[in-house]
Amino acid sequence: MNDQLSVTQQQRFELRFCALYKEGRAYAFPCDSHGHVELDALSEKARCNYLFVRAAVGWEYSLPIVQPVT
């Protein structure tokens, strides 16, 4: 019996940064269950957004949360 889940059966996660002052605004990036984002898998624009929002934590965005993708 195969203990590994197929890609379609694996739970996917995202790392979500919510805006502190603009309700409803957020950035989300694909990640593993521990919140690790594979930068090489992101497009150039997504990578730039990720680096920006990480630098803006505490100023414009909250600490990120890891949540399952539904």
N, C-alpha and C. Protein backbone atom coordinates (compact mmCIF):
# COMPACT_ATOMS: atom_id res chain seq x y z
N MET A 1 0.84 -1.19 0.00
CA MET A 1 0.00 0.00 0.00
C MET A 1 0.88 1.24 0.00
N ASN A 2 0.53 2.23 -0.80
CA ASN A 2 1.31 3.45 -0.91
C ASN A 2 0.88 4.44 0.16
N ASP A 3 1.80 4.85 1.05
CA ASP A 3 1.48 5.78 2.14
C ASP A 3 1.53 7.23 1.69
N GLN A 4 2.12 7.50 0.54
CA GLN A 4 2.21 8.87 0.07
C GLN A 4 0.92 9.26 -0.62
N LEU A 5 0.52 10.52 -0.41
CA LEU A 5 -0.67 11.04 -1.06
C LEU A 5 -0.31 11.54 -2.45
N SER A 6 -1.22 11.42 -3.38
CA SER A 6 -0.97 12.00 -4.70
C SER A 6 -1.04 13.51 -4.58
N VAL A 7 -0.55 14.20 -5.59
CA VAL A 7 -0.53 15.66 -5.56
C VAL A 7 -1.94 16.22 -5.37
N THR A 8 -2.93 15.61 -5.98
CA THR A 8 -4.29 16.13 -5.86
C THR A 8 -4.88 15.87 -4.48
N GLN A 9 -4.33 14.89 -3.75
CA GLN A 9 -4.83 14.59 -2.43
C GLN A 9 -4.09 15.35 -1.33
N GLN A 10 -2.92 15.87 -1.62
CA GLN A 10 -2.15 16.60 -0.62
C GLN A 10 -2.83 17.92 -0.30
N GLN A 11 -2.79 18.27 0.97
CA GLN A 11 -3.35 19.56 1.36
C GLN A 11 -2.36 20.66 0.98
N ARG A 12 -2.88 21.70 0.37
CA ARG A 12 -2.04 22.83 -0.02
C ARG A 12 -2.20 23.94 1.01
N PHE A 13 -1.16 24.77 1.15
CA PHE A 13 -1.18 25.85 2.13
C PHE A 13 -0.76 27.15 1.47
N GLU A 14 -1.11 28.25 2.12
CA GLU A 14 -0.65 29.55 1.68
C GLU A 14 -0.20 30.35 2.90
N LEU A 15 0.77 31.20 2.67
CA LEU A 15 1.26 32.12 3.68
C LEU A 15 0.59 33.45 3.40
N ARG A 16 -0.23 33.93 4.35
CA ARG A 16 -1.05 35.12 4.13
C ARG A 16 -0.61 36.25 5.05
N PHE A 17 -0.33 37.41 4.43
CA PHE A 17 0.02 38.64 5.13
C PHE A 17 -1.16 39.59 4.98
N CYS A 18 -1.80 39.97 6.06
CA CYS A 18 -2.96 40.88 6.01
C CYS A 18 -2.51 42.30 6.31
N ALA A 19 -3.12 43.26 5.62
CA ALA A 19 -2.81 44.67 5.83
C ALA A 19 -3.27 45.10 7.22
N LEU A 20 -2.48 45.93 7.86
CA LEU A 20 -2.83 46.41 9.19
C LEU A 20 -3.86 47.54 9.13
N TYR A 21 -3.81 48.35 8.10
CA TYR A 21 -4.65 49.55 8.06
C TYR A 21 -5.67 49.58 6.93
N LYS A 22 -5.60 48.66 6.00
CA LYS A 22 -6.54 48.61 4.89
C LYS A 22 -7.26 47.28 4.93
N GLU A 23 -8.42 47.26 5.53
CA GLU A 23 -9.18 46.03 5.72
C GLU A 23 -9.44 45.33 4.39
N GLY A 24 -9.22 44.04 4.37
CA GLY A 24 -9.47 43.25 3.18
C GLY A 24 -8.29 43.12 2.25
N ARG A 25 -7.26 43.90 2.46
CA ARG A 25 -6.08 43.82 1.59
C ARG A 25 -5.10 42.82 2.17
N ALA A 26 -4.56 41.96 1.32
CA ALA A 26 -3.63 40.93 1.79
C ALA A 26 -2.79 40.42 0.62
N TYR A 27 -1.69 39.80 0.96
CA TYR A 27 -0.86 39.07 0.02
C TYR A 27 -0.85 37.62 0.47
N ALA A 28 -0.89 36.69 -0.48
CA ALA A 28 -0.84 35.27 -0.15
C ALA A 28 0.11 34.58 -1.13
N PHE A 29 0.89 33.65 -0.59
CA PHE A 29 1.90 32.94 -1.39
C PHE A 29 1.82 31.45 -1.07
N PRO A 30 2.00 30.59 -2.07
CA PRO A 30 1.99 29.15 -1.80
C PRO A 30 3.15 28.78 -0.89
N CYS A 31 2.88 27.86 0.04
CA CYS A 31 3.92 27.44 0.97
C CYS A 31 3.66 26.01 1.42
N ASP A 32 4.56 25.48 2.24
CA ASP A 32 4.32 24.16 2.83
C ASP A 32 3.60 24.35 4.17
N SER A 33 3.36 23.27 4.87
CA SER A 33 2.60 23.35 6.12
C SER A 33 3.33 24.10 7.23
N HIS A 34 4.62 24.36 7.03
CA HIS A 34 5.41 25.10 8.02
C HIS A 34 5.58 26.57 7.64
N GLY A 35 5.03 26.97 6.50
CA GLY A 35 5.12 28.36 6.07
C GLY A 35 6.34 28.68 5.23
N HIS A 36 7.04 27.67 4.76
CA HIS A 36 8.21 27.91 3.92
C HIS A 36 7.78 28.14 2.47
N VAL A 37 8.17 29.27 1.92
CA VAL A 37 7.86 29.62 0.54
C VAL A 37 9.06 29.29 -0.33
N GLU A 38 8.83 28.59 -1.43
CA GLU A 38 9.91 28.26 -2.37
C GLU A 38 10.05 29.44 -3.34
N LEU A 39 11.02 30.30 -3.07
CA LEU A 39 11.18 31.51 -3.87
C LEU A 39 11.45 31.22 -5.34
N ASP A 40 12.18 30.17 -5.63
CA ASP A 40 12.50 29.84 -7.02
C ASP A 40 11.27 29.44 -7.82
N ALA A 41 10.20 29.02 -7.13
CA ALA A 41 8.98 28.61 -7.82
C ALA A 41 8.06 29.80 -8.11
N LEU A 42 8.34 30.96 -7.53
CA LEU A 42 7.50 32.14 -7.74
C LEU A 42 7.91 32.87 -9.02
N SER A 43 6.95 33.56 -9.61
CA SER A 43 7.28 34.43 -10.74
C SER A 43 8.10 35.61 -10.21
N GLU A 44 8.72 36.36 -11.09
CA GLU A 44 9.52 37.50 -10.66
C GLU A 44 8.67 38.52 -9.91
N LYS A 45 7.46 38.78 -10.42
CA LYS A 45 6.58 39.74 -9.75
C LYS A 45 6.16 39.24 -8.37
N ALA A 46 5.80 37.96 -8.28
CA ALA A 46 5.40 37.40 -6.98
C ALA A 46 6.57 37.42 -6.01
N ARG A 47 7.77 37.13 -6.49
CA ARG A 47 8.96 37.15 -5.64
C ARG A 47 9.21 38.56 -5.11
N CYS A 48 9.07 39.57 -5.96
CA CYS A 48 9.23 40.96 -5.53
C CYS A 48 8.16 41.34 -4.51
N ASN A 49 6.92 40.93 -4.75
CA ASN A 49 5.85 41.20 -3.79
C ASN A 49 6.12 40.52 -2.45
N TYR A 50 6.60 39.28 -2.50
CA TYR A 50 6.91 38.54 -1.28
C TYR A 50 8.00 39.26 -0.47
N LEU A 51 9.05 39.66 -1.14
CA LEU A 51 10.14 40.36 -0.44
C LEU A 51 9.67 41.70 0.11
N PHE A 52 8.83 42.41 -0.64
CA PHE A 52 8.28 43.68 -0.16
C PHE A 52 7.45 43.48 1.09
N VAL A 53 6.50 42.54 1.03
CA VAL A 53 5.57 42.38 2.16
C VAL A 53 6.30 41.87 3.39
N ARG A 54 7.32 41.03 3.21
CA ARG A 54 8.12 40.60 4.37
C ARG A 54 8.81 41.78 5.04
N ALA A 55 9.30 42.71 4.23
CA ALA A 55 9.97 43.89 4.78
C ALA A 55 8.99 44.85 5.44
N ALA A 56 7.71 44.77 5.04
CA ALA A 56 6.69 45.69 5.57
C ALA A 56 5.93 45.13 6.77
N VAL A 57 6.31 43.94 7.24
CA VAL A 57 5.66 43.36 8.42
C VAL A 57 5.90 44.27 9.62
N GLY A 58 4.82 44.58 10.30
CA GLY A 58 4.90 45.46 11.46
C GLY A 58 4.67 46.92 11.12
N TRP A 59 4.86 47.26 9.86
CA TRP A 59 4.63 48.63 9.40
C TRP A 59 3.29 48.72 8.67
N GLU A 60 3.13 47.89 7.68
CA GLU A 60 1.90 47.91 6.88
C GLU A 60 1.15 46.59 6.91
N TYR A 61 1.85 45.50 7.24
CA TYR A 61 1.26 44.16 7.22
C TYR A 61 1.51 43.42 8.52
N SER A 62 0.58 42.53 8.86
CA SER A 62 0.71 41.73 10.07
C SER A 62 1.68 40.58 9.85
N LEU A 63 2.06 39.93 10.93
CA LEU A 63 2.82 38.69 10.80
C LEU A 63 2.00 37.71 9.98
N PRO A 64 2.64 36.90 9.16
CA PRO A 64 1.88 36.00 8.30
C PRO A 64 1.28 34.83 9.07
N ILE A 65 0.23 34.28 8.49
CA ILE A 65 -0.37 33.07 9.02
C ILE A 65 -0.34 32.01 7.91
N VAL A 66 -0.20 30.78 8.31
CA VAL A 66 -0.25 29.65 7.37
C VAL A 66 -1.67 29.10 7.43
N GLN A 67 -2.30 29.00 6.28
CA GLN A 67 -3.66 28.46 6.26
C GLN A 67 -3.83 27.54 5.06
N PRO A 68 -4.70 26.54 5.22
CA PRO A 68 -4.95 25.63 4.09
C PRO A 68 -5.68 26.35 2.98
N VAL A 69 -5.37 25.96 1.76
CA VAL A 69 -6.06 26.50 0.58
C VAL A 69 -7.30 25.64 0.36
N THR A 70 -8.43 26.30 0.23
CA THR A 70 -9.68 25.55 0.02
C THR A 70 -10.10 25.58 -1.42
